[in-house]
Amino acid sequence: MADNSAARPGERWKRASLTAAVVVATIALETALLRRRGYHVGLKTIVRCHDGHLFTTIWIPGASLKSIRLGMVRLQYCPVGRHFTSVRPVNDSELTEKTRSIAGLQHDLLIP
């Protein structure tokens, strides 16, 4: 009897390529949806913690090394209140120049 658990190299390559394509498409879709809803995501995303503190963080859909992702919410360290809490991006329509400058003064760690 042949062992079907080991796929041929060509089949493994196709499966890996399909998986990578699905992951990239999912991240692209999440990014497009967030931006369409008025959220700026990227290297300097303004977020608000559960206690209302504003700061900037790296918010890359599909990637996080310093937080636990829970959809639109992430559990991470707030450098303003110096506590671990839930954070979410702030919609661009909610931001004034004053709140942008306040958030710009506080940054968390530089890893995603």
Protein backbone atom coordinates (compact mmCIF):
# COMPACT_ATOMS: atom_id res chain seq x y z
CA MET A 1 0.00 0.00 0.00
CA ALA A 2 1.30 3.44 -0.93
CA ASP A 3 1.65 6.17 1.68
CA ASN A 4 -0.57 9.06 0.55
CA SER A 5 0.55 11.38 3.36
CA ALA A 6 3.66 12.46 1.45
CA ALA A 7 2.66 14.66 -1.49
CA ARG A 8 4.83 14.98 -4.55
CA PRO A 9 7.06 18.10 -4.66
CA GLY A 10 4.90 19.70 -7.38
CA GLU A 11 1.75 19.21 -5.33
CA ARG A 12 3.38 20.63 -2.21
CA TRP A 13 4.50 23.68 -4.20
CA LYS A 14 0.96 24.24 -5.52
CA ARG A 15 -0.52 23.86 -2.04
CA ALA A 16 2.02 26.26 -0.51
CA SER A 17 1.44 28.78 -3.32
CA LEU A 18 -2.32 28.60 -2.85
CA THR A 19 -1.97 29.05 0.91
CA ALA A 20 0.30 32.07 0.45
CA ALA A 21 -2.11 33.59 -2.08
CA VAL A 22 -5.05 33.16 0.32
CA VAL A 23 -3.10 34.77 3.20
CA VAL A 24 -2.02 37.74 1.05
CA ALA A 25 -5.56 38.20 -0.29
CA THR A 26 -7.03 38.09 3.23
CA ILE A 27 -4.57 40.71 4.51
CA ALA A 28 -5.22 42.93 1.47
CA LEU A 29 -8.98 42.64 1.96
CA GLU A 30 -8.73 43.47 5.68
CA THR A 31 -6.55 46.50 4.91
CA ALA A 32 -8.95 47.73 2.20
CA LEU A 33 -11.96 47.35 4.48
CA LEU A 34 -10.28 49.20 7.35
CA ARG A 35 -9.26 52.09 5.09
CA ARG A 36 -12.70 52.25 3.51
CA ARG A 37 -14.23 52.57 6.99
CA GLY A 38 -11.95 55.51 7.75
CA TYR A 39 -9.15 53.84 9.68
CA HIS A 40 -5.53 54.56 8.85
CA VAL A 41 -3.45 51.43 9.33
CA GLY A 42 0.28 51.14 8.94
CA LEU A 43 3.42 52.26 10.73
CA LYS A 44 1.94 55.22 12.65
CA THR A 45 -1.62 54.23 13.45
CA ILE A 46 -3.33 56.26 16.16
CA VAL A 47 -5.04 53.99 18.67
CA ARG A 48 -7.05 54.49 21.84
CA CYS A 49 -6.75 52.16 24.80
CA HIS A 50 -9.67 51.05 26.95
CA ASP A 51 -8.95 53.89 29.41
CA GLY A 52 -9.02 56.50 26.64
CA HIS A 53 -5.28 57.10 26.22
CA LEU A 54 -4.13 57.98 22.70
CA PHE A 55 -0.82 56.82 21.23
CA THR A 56 0.65 55.61 17.97
CA THR A 57 1.52 52.04 17.17
CA ILE A 58 2.31 49.84 14.19
CA TRP A 59 -0.97 48.29 13.02
CA ILE A 60 -0.42 45.92 10.15
CA PRO A 61 -3.36 43.63 9.40
CA GLY A 62 -2.39 40.01 9.76
CA ALA A 63 0.79 40.72 11.72
CA SER A 64 1.57 41.40 15.35
CA LEU A 65 4.50 40.47 17.55
CA LYS A 66 3.78 42.73 20.51
CA SER A 67 0.05 42.21 20.89
CA ILE A 68 -2.67 39.60 20.86
CA ARG A 69 -5.01 40.15 17.93
CA LEU A 70 -8.75 39.86 18.48
CA GLY A 71 -10.17 41.24 15.24
CA MET A 72 -10.43 45.02 15.45
CA VAL A 73 -9.11 44.95 19.01
CA ARG A 74 -5.62 44.10 20.18
CA LEU A 75 -4.36 43.43 23.66
CA GLN A 76 -1.10 45.28 24.16
CA TYR A 77 0.88 47.59 26.40
CA CYS A 78 -0.29 51.22 26.64
CA PRO A 79 2.77 53.49 27.03
CA VAL A 80 0.62 56.38 28.30
CA GLY A 81 -1.08 54.59 31.19
CA ARG A 82 1.68 52.01 31.53
CA HIS A 83 -0.70 49.08 31.59
CA PHE A 84 -1.76 46.15 29.43
CA THR A 85 -5.15 46.78 27.90
CA SER A 86 -7.27 46.51 24.78
CA VAL A 87 -6.60 49.02 22.02
CA ARG A 88 -8.33 49.81 18.76
CA PRO A 89 -7.55 52.18 15.92
CA VAL A 90 -9.22 55.58 16.00
CA ASN A 91 -11.32 56.53 13.00
CA ASP A 92 -9.83 59.47 11.10
CA SER A 93 -13.11 61.37 11.40
CA GLU A 94 -12.78 61.36 15.22
CA LEU A 95 -9.34 62.98 15.19
CA THR A 96 -8.65 66.68 15.47
CA GLU A 97 -5.26 68.30 15.00
CA LYS A 98 -4.95 68.46 18.78
CA THR A 99 -5.66 64.74 19.29
CA ARG A 100 -3.28 63.86 16.43
CA SER A 101 -0.50 65.84 18.08
CA ILE A 102 -1.23 64.31 21.51
CA ALA A 103 -1.11 60.80 20.04
CA GLY A 104 2.04 61.63 18.11
CA LEU A 105 3.89 62.35 21.33
CA GLN A 106 3.47 58.78 22.60
CA HIS A 107 4.80 55.77 20.69
CA ASP A 108 4.95 52.16 21.72
CA LEU A 109 7.63 49.66 20.71
CA LEU A 110 8.79 49.67 17.11
CA ILE A 111 8.18 45.99 16.38
CA PRO A 112 4.87 44.97 14.71
